[in-house]
């Protein structure tokens, strides 16, 4: 649904320059980004079409209503929501997290680092490359179980945060796959920082709502070797363990943003490809007099209505 007070100007000559503007109750609209050329505020005339006025004042730019009001963001869904306008020094200021958010992020990073340390120990014995991807064993299986349990915890946390704080139903992969598109999970590509010989991969590539478990090979392997180790022990491979940890890495980046996360962790992976958000989909900083507001993603249509 369109925002009620925020629009975006996009320069068609560049796919990286877009600027957010907000209409405030005082009756004017002004820039959310301090580096934009339009530094002055413009009074809203009675009956004025804001987008047409913006087009007249800014030449070739394309004005569109944003999907979110300025300062609104979907909890645990990164779309620029954790980085605000540049400060006077030119560096970005980040949205201050609530204590509960900080504690959850710290716990998630700790889980990732513990799993990464375990994987590193395994990789010192079995070099991760194309020849060794099918190697399996008890220690690799245990790592796969641990990492996938944390992946499920992250999926659950995101869904709960975006459904008014309560799950709508019993959660399983039919529920988890609903996060694929809002977070653009299948667009992320990760590569191993420590082992360049191991090829880059997309942990969520091919995730299909029609077969939400089987279409994720690493998660399907976890599910099968968890419930029937005797018949599926050979599914607990090095490749599936690496893919599962790569999936956890993607989930953290997709929630908290690459710059916020990289400052607090010792990475095993690096994110080599991230999704591109259209200007109207990005979360914008609030007007200086306002504060951030969390808007559950799956309730947004009931909250927003066009002007």
C-alpha atoms as a PDB file:
ATOM      1  CA  UNK A   1       0.000   0.000   0.000  1.00  0.00           C
ATOM      2  CA  UNK A   2       1.230   3.574  -0.640  1.00  0.00           C
ATOM      3  CA  UNK A   3       2.540   5.750   2.142  1.00  0.00           C
ATOM      4  CA  UNK A   4       0.294   8.478   3.505  1.00  0.00           C
ATOM      5  CA  UNK A   5       2.981  11.175   3.660  1.00  0.00           C
ATOM      6  CA  UNK A   6       6.230  10.111   1.998  1.00  0.00           C
ATOM      7  CA  UNK A   7       7.262  10.120  -1.638  1.00  0.00           C
ATOM      8  CA  UNK A   8      10.451   9.370  -3.526  1.00  0.00           C
ATOM      9  CA  UNK A   9      12.150  11.161  -6.391  1.00  0.00           C
ATOM     10  CA  UNK A  10      14.161   8.908  -8.686  1.00  0.00           C
ATOM     11  CA  UNK A  11      16.581  10.154 -11.327  1.00  0.00           C
ATOM     12  CA  UNK A  12      16.043   7.988 -14.440  1.00  0.00           C
ATOM     13  CA  UNK A  13      19.585   8.782 -15.562  1.00  0.00           C
ATOM     14  CA  UNK A  14      20.999   6.888 -12.581  1.00  0.00           C
ATOM     15  CA  UNK A  15      19.861   3.740 -10.775  1.00  0.00           C
ATOM     16  CA  UNK A  16      21.602   4.712  -7.533  1.00  0.00           C
ATOM     17  CA  UNK A  17      20.242   8.210  -6.879  1.00  0.00           C
ATOM     18  CA  UNK A  18      16.859   8.457  -5.210  1.00  0.00           C
ATOM     19  CA  UNK A  19      15.679  10.885  -2.560  1.00  0.00           C
ATOM     20  CA  UNK A  20      12.899  10.752   0.004  1.00  0.00           C
ATOM     21  CA  UNK A  21      10.556  13.608   0.911  1.00  0.00           C
ATOM     22  CA  UNK A  22       7.935  13.876   3.638  1.00  0.00           C
ATOM     23  CA  UNK A  23       4.755  15.947   4.023  1.00  0.00           C
ATOM     24  CA  UNK A  24       4.406  17.096   7.634  1.00  0.00           C
ATOM     25  CA  UNK A  25       1.306  18.360   9.475  1.00  0.00           C
ATOM     26  CA  UNK A  26       2.581  21.959   9.382  1.00  0.00           C
ATOM     27  CA  UNK A  27       1.626  21.962   5.702  1.00  0.00           C
ATOM     28  CA  UNK A  28       4.894  21.698   3.818  1.00  0.00           C
ATOM     29  CA  UNK A  29       7.071  19.021   2.308  1.00  0.00           C
ATOM     30  CA  UNK A  30      10.826  18.816   2.554  1.00  0.00           C
ATOM     31  CA  UNK A  31      13.770  16.455   2.017  1.00  0.00           C
ATOM     32  CA  UNK A  32      14.623  13.516   4.258  1.00  0.00           C
ATOM     33  CA  UNK A  33      18.138  13.313   2.781  1.00  0.00           C
ATOM     34  CA  UNK A  34      20.438  16.217   3.619  1.00  0.00           C
ATOM     35  CA  UNK A  35      22.588  15.748   0.509  1.00  0.00           C
ATOM     36  CA  UNK A  36      19.678  16.300  -1.889  1.00  0.00           C
ATOM     37  CA  UNK A  37      19.827  19.421  -4.091  1.00  0.00           C
ATOM     38  CA  UNK A  38      16.432  20.654  -2.880  1.00  0.00           C
ATOM     39  CA  UNK A  39      17.485  22.068   0.489  1.00  0.00           C
ATOM     40  CA  UNK A  40      14.437  24.300   0.951  1.00  0.00           C
ATOM     41  CA  UNK A  41      10.969  23.323   2.101  1.00  0.00           C
ATOM     42  CA  UNK A  42       7.900  23.773  -0.077  1.00  0.00           C
ATOM     43  CA  UNK A  43       4.462  24.773   1.126  1.00  0.00           C
ATOM     44  CA  UNK A  44       1.610  22.434   0.255  1.00  0.00           C
ATOM     45  CA  UNK A  45      -1.086  24.433  -1.552  1.00  0.00           C
ATOM     46  CA  UNK A  46      -4.756  23.576  -1.125  1.00  0.00           C
ATOM     47  CA  UNK A  47      -5.727  20.827  -3.541  1.00  0.00           C
ATOM     48  CA  UNK A  48      -2.184  20.560  -4.849  1.00  0.00           C
ATOM     49  CA  UNK A  49      -1.069  17.290  -6.426  1.00  0.00           C
ATOM     50  CA  UNK A  50       2.185  16.740  -4.569  1.00  0.00           C
ATOM     51  CA  UNK A  51       3.724  14.446  -7.148  1.00  0.00           C
ATOM     52  CA  UNK A  52       2.968  16.871  -9.987  1.00  0.00           C
ATOM     53  CA  UNK A  53       4.466  19.737  -7.973  1.00  0.00           C
ATOM     54  CA  UNK A  54       7.579  17.689  -7.271  1.00  0.00           C
ATOM     55  CA  UNK A  55       7.897  16.877 -10.966  1.00  0.00           C
ATOM     56  CA  UNK A  56       7.638  20.561 -11.949  1.00  0.00           C
ATOM     57  CA  UNK A  57      10.254  21.625  -9.431  1.00  0.00           C
ATOM     58  CA  UNK A  58      12.732  18.871 -10.204  1.00  0.00           C
ATOM     59  CA  UNK A  59      12.770  18.487 -13.963  1.00  0.00           C
ATOM     60  CA  UNK A  60      13.445  14.969 -15.130  1.00  0.00           C
ATOM     61  CA  UNK A  61      12.951  13.106 -11.850  1.00  0.00           C
ATOM     62  CA  UNK A  62      10.190  10.520 -11.399  1.00  0.00           C
ATOM     63  CA  UNK A  63       8.064  11.026  -8.247  1.00  0.00           C
ATOM     64  CA  UNK A  64       6.283   8.041  -6.636  1.00  0.00           C
ATOM     65  CA  UNK A  65       4.586   7.410  -3.313  1.00  0.00           C
ATOM     66  CA  UNK A  66       6.753   5.290  -1.027  1.00  0.00           C
ATOM     67  CA  UNK A  67       5.416   2.072   0.465  1.00  0.00           C
ATOM     68  CA  UNK A  68       6.260   3.167   4.012  1.00  0.00           C
ATOM     69  CA  UNK A  69       5.860   6.459   5.841  1.00  0.00           C
ATOM     70  CA  UNK A  70       9.112   8.173   6.798  1.00  0.00           C
ATOM     71  CA  UNK A  71      10.495   6.588   9.959  1.00  0.00           C
ATOM     72  CA  UNK A  72       8.411   3.421   9.560  1.00  0.00           C
ATOM     73  CA  UNK A  73      10.067   0.072   9.054  1.00  0.00           C
ATOM     74  CA  UNK A  74       9.257  -3.630   9.138  1.00  0.00           C
ATOM     75  CA  UNK A  75      10.837  -5.222  12.231  1.00  0.00           C
ATOM     76  CA  UNK A  76      13.729  -7.550  11.490  1.00  0.00           C
ATOM     77  CA  UNK A  77      13.536  -6.781   7.763  1.00  0.00           C
ATOM     78  CA  UNK A  78      16.419  -4.672   6.516  1.00  0.00           C
ATOM     79  CA  UNK A  79      15.608  -2.181   3.766  1.00  0.00           C
ATOM     80  CA  UNK A  80      17.847   0.628   4.881  1.00  0.00           C
ATOM     81  CA  UNK A  81      15.854   0.978   8.105  1.00  0.00           C
ATOM     82  CA  UNK A  82      18.982   0.855  10.248  1.00  0.00           C
ATOM     83  CA  UNK A  83      20.807   3.671   8.439  1.00  0.00           C
ATOM     84  CA  UNK A  84      19.485   7.231   8.460  1.00  0.00           C
ATOM     85  CA  UNK A  85      20.480  10.348   6.532  1.00  0.00           C
ATOM     86  CA  UNK A  86      24.165  11.349   6.414  1.00  0.00           C
ATOM     87  CA  UNK A  87      25.388  13.434   9.323  1.00  0.00           C
ATOM     88  CA  UNK A  88      27.407  16.627   8.896  1.00  0.00           C
ATOM     89  CA  UNK A  89      30.565  14.520   8.731  1.00  0.00           C
ATOM     90  CA  UNK A  90      29.197  12.571   5.778  1.00  0.00           C
ATOM     91  CA  UNK A  91      28.891   9.283   7.654  1.00  0.00           C
ATOM     92  CA  UNK A  92      25.586   7.473   8.170  1.00  0.00           C
ATOM     93  CA  UNK A  93      23.928   7.374  11.563  1.00  0.00           C
ATOM     94  CA  UNK A  94      22.195   4.135  12.459  1.00  0.00           C
ATOM     95  CA  UNK A  95      18.830   3.734  14.110  1.00  0.00           C
ATOM     96  CA  UNK A  96      19.319   3.003  17.785  1.00  0.00           C
ATOM     97  CA  UNK A  97      18.007  -0.473  18.584  1.00  0.00           C
ATOM     98  CA  UNK A  98      15.868  -1.181  21.606  1.00  0.00           C
ATOM     99  CA  UNK A  99      17.485  -3.325  24.287  1.00  0.00           C
ATOM    100  CA  UNK A 100      15.465  -6.383  23.265  1.00  0.00           C
ATOM    101  CA  UNK A 101      16.679  -5.984  19.675  1.00  0.00           C
ATOM    102  CA  UNK A 102      20.306  -5.619  20.746  1.00  0.00           C
ATOM    103  CA  UNK A 103      20.123  -8.679  22.966  1.00  0.00           C
ATOM    104  CA  UNK A 104      18.578 -10.765  20.178  1.00  0.00           C
ATOM    105  CA  UNK A 105      21.222  -9.620  17.691  1.00  0.00           C
ATOM    106  CA  UNK A 106      24.024 -10.394  20.149  1.00  0.00           C
ATOM    107  CA  UNK A 107      22.611 -13.865  20.799  1.00  0.00           C
ATOM    108  CA  UNK A 108      22.260 -14.549  17.068  1.00  0.00           C
ATOM    109  CA  UNK A 109      25.817 -13.436  16.347  1.00  0.00           C
ATOM    110  CA  UNK A 110      27.079 -15.657  19.158  1.00  0.00           C
ATOM    111  CA  UNK A 111      25.257 -18.660  17.694  1.00  0.00           C
ATOM    112  CA  UNK A 112      26.720 -17.965  14.256  1.00  0.00           C
ATOM    113  CA  UNK A 113      30.239 -17.572  15.634  1.00  0.00           C
ATOM    114  CA  UNK A 114      30.041 -20.803  17.664  1.00  0.00           C
ATOM    115  CA  UNK A 115      28.893 -22.698  14.568  1.00  0.00           C
ATOM    116  CA  UNK A 116      31.546 -21.019  12.408  1.00  0.00           C
ATOM    117  CA  UNK A 117      34.272 -22.042  14.884  1.00  0.00           C
ATOM    118  CA  UNK A 118      33.045 -25.648  14.758  1.00  0.00           C
ATOM    119  CA  UNK A 119      32.950 -25.582  10.946  1.00  0.00           C
ATOM    120  CA  UNK A 120      36.453 -24.139  10.837  1.00  0.00           C
ATOM    121  CA  UNK A 121      37.747 -27.003  12.974  1.00  0.00           C
ATOM    122  CA  UNK A 122      36.128 -29.510  10.608  1.00  0.00           C
ATOM    123  CA  UNK A 123      37.576 -27.734   7.586  1.00  0.00           C
ATOM    124  CA  UNK A 124      41.054 -28.032   9.028  1.00  0.00           C
ATOM    125  CA  UNK A 125      40.657 -31.786   8.666  1.00  0.00           C
ATOM    126  CA  UNK A 126      38.578 -31.914   5.483  1.00  0.00           C
ATOM    127  CA  UNK A 127      39.395 -29.130   3.036  1.00  0.00           C
ATOM    128  CA  UNK A 128      36.168 -27.612   1.703  1.00  0.00           C
ATOM    129  CA  UNK A 129      36.310 -27.908  -2.081  1.00  0.00           C
ATOM    130  CA  UNK A 130      34.385 -29.545  -4.908  1.00  0.00           C
ATOM    131  CA  UNK A 131      35.980 -32.947  -4.320  1.00  0.00           C
ATOM    132  CA  UNK A 132      35.100 -33.062  -0.618  1.00  0.00           C
ATOM    133  CA  UNK A 133      31.568 -31.652  -0.640  1.00  0.00           C
ATOM    134  CA  UNK A 134      30.015 -35.109  -0.149  1.00  0.00           C
ATOM    135  CA  UNK A 135      32.073 -36.023   2.932  1.00  0.00           C
ATOM    136  CA  UNK A 136      29.828 -36.828   5.908  1.00  0.00           C
ATOM    137  CA  UNK A 137      30.153 -37.895   9.526  1.00  0.00           C
ATOM    138  CA  UNK A 138      28.831 -37.522  13.052  1.00  0.00           C
ATOM    139  CA  UNK A 139      30.485 -34.212  13.810  1.00  0.00           C
ATOM    140  CA  UNK A 140      29.228 -32.714  10.545  1.00  0.00           C
ATOM    141  CA  UNK A 141      25.731 -34.042  11.287  1.00  0.00           C
ATOM    142  CA  UNK A 142      25.752 -32.474  14.739  1.00  0.00           C
ATOM    143  CA  UNK A 143      26.788 -29.142  13.226  1.00  0.00           C
ATOM    144  CA  UNK A 144      24.016 -29.375  10.631  1.00  0.00           C
ATOM    145  CA  UNK A 145      21.434 -30.011  13.364  1.00  0.00           C
ATOM    146  CA  UNK A 146      22.686 -27.103  15.461  1.00  0.00           C
ATOM    147  CA  UNK A 147      22.779 -24.587  12.612  1.00  0.00           C
ATOM    148  CA  UNK A 148      19.364 -25.521  11.213  1.00  0.00           C
ATOM    149  CA  UNK A 149      17.828 -25.240  14.666  1.00  0.00           C
ATOM    150  CA  UNK A 150      19.110 -21.653  14.813  1.00  0.00           C
ATOM    151  CA  UNK A 151      17.844 -20.992  11.275  1.00  0.00           C
ATOM    152  CA  UNK A 152      14.386 -22.099  12.431  1.00  0.00           C
ATOM    153  CA  UNK A 153      14.666 -19.804  15.446  1.00  0.00           C
ATOM    154  CA  UNK A 154      15.452 -16.872  13.163  1.00  0.00           C
ATOM    155  CA  UNK A 155      12.577 -17.669  10.808  1.00  0.00           C
ATOM    156  CA  UNK A 156      10.214 -17.914  13.774  1.00  0.00           C
ATOM    157  CA  UNK A 157      11.437 -14.661  15.296  1.00  0.00           C
ATOM    158  CA  UNK A 158      10.928 -12.737  12.056  1.00  0.00           C
ATOM    159  CA  UNK A 159       7.435 -14.136  11.516  1.00  0.00           C
ATOM    160  CA  UNK A 160       6.369 -13.434  15.092  1.00  0.00           C
ATOM    161  CA  UNK A 161       7.743  -9.866  14.938  1.00  0.00           C
ATOM    162  CA  UNK A 162       5.745  -9.218  11.777  1.00  0.00           C
ATOM    163  CA  UNK A 163       2.448 -10.711  12.980  1.00  0.00           C
ATOM    164  CA  UNK A 164       1.699  -8.540  15.974  1.00  0.00           C
ATOM    165  CA  UNK A 165       3.965 -10.511  18.290  1.00  0.00           C
ATOM    166  CA  UNK A 166       2.130 -13.823  18.008  1.00  0.00           C
ATOM    167  CA  UNK A 167       2.425 -16.609  15.437  1.00  0.00           C
ATOM    168  CA  UNK A 168      -0.717 -17.001  13.353  1.00  0.00           C
ATOM    169  CA  UNK A 169      -0.502 -20.790  13.285  1.00  0.00           C
ATOM    170  CA  UNK A 170       1.809 -23.714  13.874  1.00  0.00           C
ATOM    171  CA  UNK A 171       5.026 -22.737  12.147  1.00  0.00           C
ATOM    172  CA  UNK A 172       6.737 -24.992   9.638  1.00  0.00           C
ATOM    173  CA  UNK A 173       8.391 -24.553   6.243  1.00  0.00           C
ATOM    174  CA  UNK A 174       5.002 -23.653   4.711  1.00  0.00           C
ATOM    175  CA  UNK A 175       5.102 -20.631   7.025  1.00  0.00           C
ATOM    176  CA  UNK A 176       8.833 -19.954   6.757  1.00  0.00           C
ATOM    177  CA  UNK A 177       8.784 -19.730   2.957  1.00  0.00           C
ATOM    178  CA  UNK A 178       6.522 -16.672   3.268  1.00  0.00           C
ATOM    179  CA  UNK A 179       9.708 -14.785   4.193  1.00  0.00           C
ATOM    180  CA  UNK A 180      11.432 -15.537   0.896  1.00  0.00           C
ATOM    181  CA  UNK A 181      10.025 -12.585  -1.027  1.00  0.00           C
ATOM    182  CA  UNK A 182       9.783  -9.905   1.722  1.00  0.00           C
ATOM    183  CA  UNK A 183      13.462 -10.469   2.569  1.00  0.00           C
ATOM    184  CA  UNK A 184      14.545 -11.376  -0.998  1.00  0.00           C
ATOM    185  CA  UNK A 185      16.374 -14.345   0.515  1.00  0.00           C
ATOM    186  CA  UNK A 186      16.872 -16.160  -2.773  1.00  0.00           C
ATOM    187  CA  UNK A 187      18.814 -13.195  -4.218  1.00  0.00           C
ATOM    188  CA  UNK A 188      21.719 -13.386  -1.754  1.00  0.00           C
ATOM    189  CA  UNK A 189      25.015 -14.934  -2.834  1.00  0.00           C
ATOM    190  CA  UNK A 190      27.679 -15.766  -0.236  1.00  0.00           C
ATOM    191  CA  UNK A 191      31.277 -16.914  -0.493  1.00  0.00           C
ATOM    192  CA  UNK A 192      33.717 -18.375   2.045  1.00  0.00           C
ATOM    193  CA  UNK A 193      36.172 -15.811   3.365  1.00  0.00           C
ATOM    194  CA  UNK A 194      38.656 -18.407   4.625  1.00  0.00           C
ATOM    195  CA  UNK A 195      38.419 -20.892   1.737  1.00  0.00           C
ATOM    196  CA  UNK A 196      38.388 -19.226  -1.668  1.00  0.00           C
ATOM    197  CA  UNK A 197      38.481 -22.595  -3.426  1.00  0.00           C
ATOM    198  CA  UNK A 198      34.938 -23.311  -2.266  1.00  0.00           C
ATOM    199  CA  UNK A 199      32.515 -21.836  -4.846  1.00  0.00           C
ATOM    200  CA  UNK A 200      30.108 -19.028  -4.022  1.00  0.00           C
ATOM    201  CA  UNK A 201      26.519 -20.184  -3.540  1.00  0.00           C
ATOM    202  CA  UNK A 202      22.925 -19.060  -2.924  1.00  0.00           C
ATOM    203  CA  UNK A 203      21.559 -20.814   0.182  1.00  0.00           C
ATOM    204  CA  UNK A 204      17.934 -20.015  -0.659  1.00  0.00           C
ATOM    205  CA  UNK A 205      18.052 -20.469  -4.436  1.00  0.00           C
ATOM    206  CA  UNK A 206      15.065 -22.415  -5.729  1.00  0.00           C
ATOM    207  CA  UNK A 207      13.070 -22.200  -2.494  1.00  0.00           C
ATOM    208  CA  UNK A 208       9.636 -23.203  -3.737  1.00  0.00           C
ATOM    209  CA  UNK A 209       6.409 -22.587  -1.757  1.00  0.00           C
ATOM    210  CA  UNK A 210       4.972 -25.722  -3.371  1.00  0.00           C
ATOM    211  CA  UNK A 211       7.758 -27.841  -1.817  1.00  0.00           C
ATOM    212  CA  UNK A 212       9.199 -25.633   0.934  1.00  0.00           C
ATOM    213  CA  UNK A 213      11.244 -28.399   2.590  1.00  0.00           C
ATOM    214  CA  UNK A 214      12.465 -30.487  -0.331  1.00  0.00           C
ATOM    215  CA  UNK A 215      13.415 -27.425  -2.405  1.00  0.00           C
ATOM    216  CA  UNK A 216      16.089 -26.464   0.163  1.00  0.00           C
ATOM    217  CA  UNK A 217      18.548 -29.410  -0.070  1.00  0.00           C
ATOM    218  CA  UNK A 218      20.460 -28.501   3.089  1.00  0.00           C
ATOM    219  CA  UNK A 219      17.248 -28.135   5.116  1.00  0.00           C
ATOM    220  CA  UNK A 220      15.776 -31.314   3.667  1.00  0.00           C
ATOM    221  CA  UNK A 221      18.973 -33.135   4.655  1.00  0.00           C
ATOM    222  CA  UNK A 222      18.702 -31.732   8.188  1.00  0.00           C
ATOM    223  CA  UNK A 223      15.084 -32.831   8.445  1.00  0.00           C
ATOM    224  CA  UNK A 224      15.787 -36.352   7.236  1.00  0.00           C
ATOM    225  CA  UNK A 225      18.954 -37.032   9.235  1.00  0.00           C
ATOM    226  CA  UNK A 226      17.335 -35.584  12.358  1.00  0.00           C
ATOM    227  CA  UNK A 227      14.352 -37.948  12.239  1.00  0.00           C
ATOM    228  CA  UNK A 228      16.033 -41.013  10.736  1.00  0.00           C
ATOM    229  CA  UNK A 229      19.786 -40.934  11.169  1.00  0.00           C
ATOM    230  CA  UNK A 230      20.293 -44.620  10.304  1.00  0.00           C
ATOM    231  CA  UNK A 231      18.855 -44.322   6.808  1.00  0.00           C
ATOM    232  CA  UNK A 232      19.911 -40.737   6.079  1.00  0.00           C
ATOM    233  CA  UNK A 233      23.306 -40.429   7.720  1.00  0.00           C
ATOM    234  CA  UNK A 234      24.947 -39.794   4.335  1.00  0.00           C
ATOM    235  CA  UNK A 235      22.820 -36.653   3.889  1.00  0.00           C
ATOM    236  CA  UNK A 236      24.791 -34.930   6.658  1.00  0.00           C
ATOM    237  CA  UNK A 237      27.458 -33.747   4.223  1.00  0.00           C
ATOM    238  CA  UNK A 238      30.013 -30.994   4.428  1.00  0.00           C
ATOM    239  CA  UNK A 239      28.226 -29.207   1.599  1.00  0.00           C
ATOM    240  CA  UNK A 240      24.907 -29.206   3.468  1.00  0.00           C
ATOM    241  CA  UNK A 241      26.543 -27.967   6.668  1.00  0.00           C
ATOM    242  CA  UNK A 242      28.253 -25.103   4.813  1.00  0.00           C
ATOM    243  CA  UNK A 243      25.023 -24.244   3.000  1.00  0.00           C
ATOM    244  CA  UNK A 244      23.092 -24.196   6.273  1.00  0.00           C
ATOM    245  CA  UNK A 245      25.585 -21.847   7.908  1.00  0.00           C
ATOM    246  CA  UNK A 246      25.525 -19.688   4.781  1.00  0.00           C
ATOM    247  CA  UNK A 247      21.734 -19.547   5.125  1.00  0.00           C
ATOM    248  CA  UNK A 248      22.066 -18.365   8.731  1.00  0.00           C
ATOM    249  CA  UNK A 249      24.512 -15.700   7.582  1.00  0.00           C
ATOM    250  CA  UNK A 250      22.027 -14.510   4.945  1.00  0.00           C
ATOM    251  CA  UNK A 251      19.193 -14.387   7.476  1.00  0.00           C
ATOM    252  CA  UNK A 252      21.195 -12.131   9.782  1.00  0.00           C
ATOM    253  CA  UNK A 253      22.226  -9.779   6.977  1.00  0.00           C
ATOM    254  CA  UNK A 254      18.645  -9.677   5.661  1.00  0.00           C
ATOM    255  CA  UNK A 255      17.401  -8.667   9.114  1.00  0.00           C
ATOM    256  CA  UNK A 256      20.018  -6.227  10.349  1.00  0.00           C
ATOM    257  CA  UNK A 257      21.850  -5.011   7.258  1.00  0.00           C
ATOM    258  CA  UNK A 258      25.408  -5.690   6.140  1.00  0.00           C
ATOM    259  CA  UNK A 259      27.092  -2.637   7.682  1.00  0.00           C
ATOM    260  CA  UNK A 260      25.387  -2.972  11.066  1.00  0.00           C
ATOM    261  CA  UNK A 261      26.218  -6.658  11.245  1.00  0.00           C
ATOM    262  CA  UNK A 262      29.804  -6.570   9.983  1.00  0.00           C
ATOM    263  CA  UNK A 263      30.826  -4.201  12.762  1.00  0.00           C
ATOM    264  CA  UNK A 264      29.961  -6.820  15.404  1.00  0.00           C
ATOM    265  CA  UNK A 265      31.054 -10.188  14.068  1.00  0.00           C
ATOM    266  CA  UNK A 266      33.942 -12.338  12.885  1.00  0.00           C
ATOM    267  CA  UNK A 267      32.695 -13.449   9.481  1.00  0.00           C
ATOM    268  CA  UNK A 268      33.182 -16.917   8.000  1.00  0.00           C
ATOM    269  CA  UNK A 269      31.288 -15.743   4.902  1.00  0.00           C
ATOM    270  CA  UNK A 270      31.046 -12.550   2.953  1.00  0.00           C
ATOM    271  CA  UNK A 271      27.929 -11.462   1.094  1.00  0.00           C
ATOM    272  CA  UNK A 272      28.993 -11.015  -2.520  1.00  0.00           C
ATOM    273  CA  UNK A 273      25.531 -10.261  -3.962  1.00  0.00           C
ATOM    274  CA  UNK A 274      22.702  -8.528  -2.098  1.00  0.00           C
ATOM    275  CA  UNK A 275      19.173  -7.778  -3.353  1.00  0.00           C
ATOM    276  CA  UNK A 276      18.357  -4.443  -4.930  1.00  0.00           C
ATOM    277  CA  UNK A 277      15.397  -2.627  -3.436  1.00  0.00           C
ATOM    278  CA  UNK A 278      13.327  -0.293  -5.572  1.00  0.00           C
ATOM    279  CA  UNK A 279      13.343   3.296  -4.219  1.00  0.00           C
ATOM    280  CA  UNK A 280       9.690   3.055  -3.180  1.00  0.00           C
ATOM    281  CA  UNK A 281      10.407  -0.127  -1.171  1.00  0.00           C
ATOM    282  CA  UNK A 282      13.207   1.316   0.958  1.00  0.00           C
ATOM    283  CA  UNK A 283      12.695   2.357   4.564  1.00  0.00           C
ATOM    284  CA  UNK A 284      13.356   6.085   4.983  1.00  0.00           C
ATOM    285  CA  UNK A 285      14.592   8.006   8.031  1.00  0.00           C
ATOM    286  CA  UNK A 286      11.998   9.900  10.055  1.00  0.00           C
ATOM    287  CA  UNK A 287      11.346  13.618   9.944  1.00  0.00           C
ATOM    288  CA  UNK A 288      13.665  15.175  12.571  1.00  0.00           C
ATOM    289  CA  UNK A 289      10.762  15.745  14.966  1.00  0.00           C
ATOM    290  CA  UNK A 290       9.573  12.162  14.785  1.00  0.00           C
ATOM    291  CA  UNK A 291      10.844   8.747  15.840  1.00  0.00           C
ATOM    292  CA  UNK A 292      10.968   5.291  14.277  1.00  0.00           C
ATOM    293  CA  UNK A 293       7.806   3.167  14.199  1.00  0.00           C
ATOM    294  CA  UNK A 294       7.803  -0.605  13.681  1.00  0.00           C
ATOM    295  CA  UNK A 295       5.106  -1.781  11.266  1.00  0.00           C
ATOM    296  CA  UNK A 296       4.512  -5.560  11.063  1.00  0.00           C
ATOM    297  CA  UNK A 297       4.926  -6.599   7.431  1.00  0.00           C
ATOM    298  CA  UNK A 298       1.966  -8.965   7.327  1.00  0.00           C
ATOM    299  CA  UNK A 299      -0.336  -6.319   8.835  1.00  0.00           C
ATOM    300  CA  UNK A 300       0.738  -3.438   6.609  1.00  0.00           C
ATOM    301  CA  UNK A 301      -2.326  -3.483   4.331  1.00  0.00           C
ATOM    302  CA  UNK A 302      -4.582  -2.892   7.321  1.00  0.00           C
ATOM    303  CA  UNK A 303      -2.466   0.061   8.472  1.00  0.00           C
ATOM    304  CA  UNK A 304      -1.703   1.980   5.284  1.00  0.00           C
ATOM    305  CA  UNK A 305      -4.093   3.673   2.912  1.00  0.00           C
ATOM    306  CA  UNK A 306      -3.393   6.141   0.106  1.00  0.00           C
ATOM    307  CA  UNK A 307      -4.170   9.847   0.471  1.00  0.00           C
END
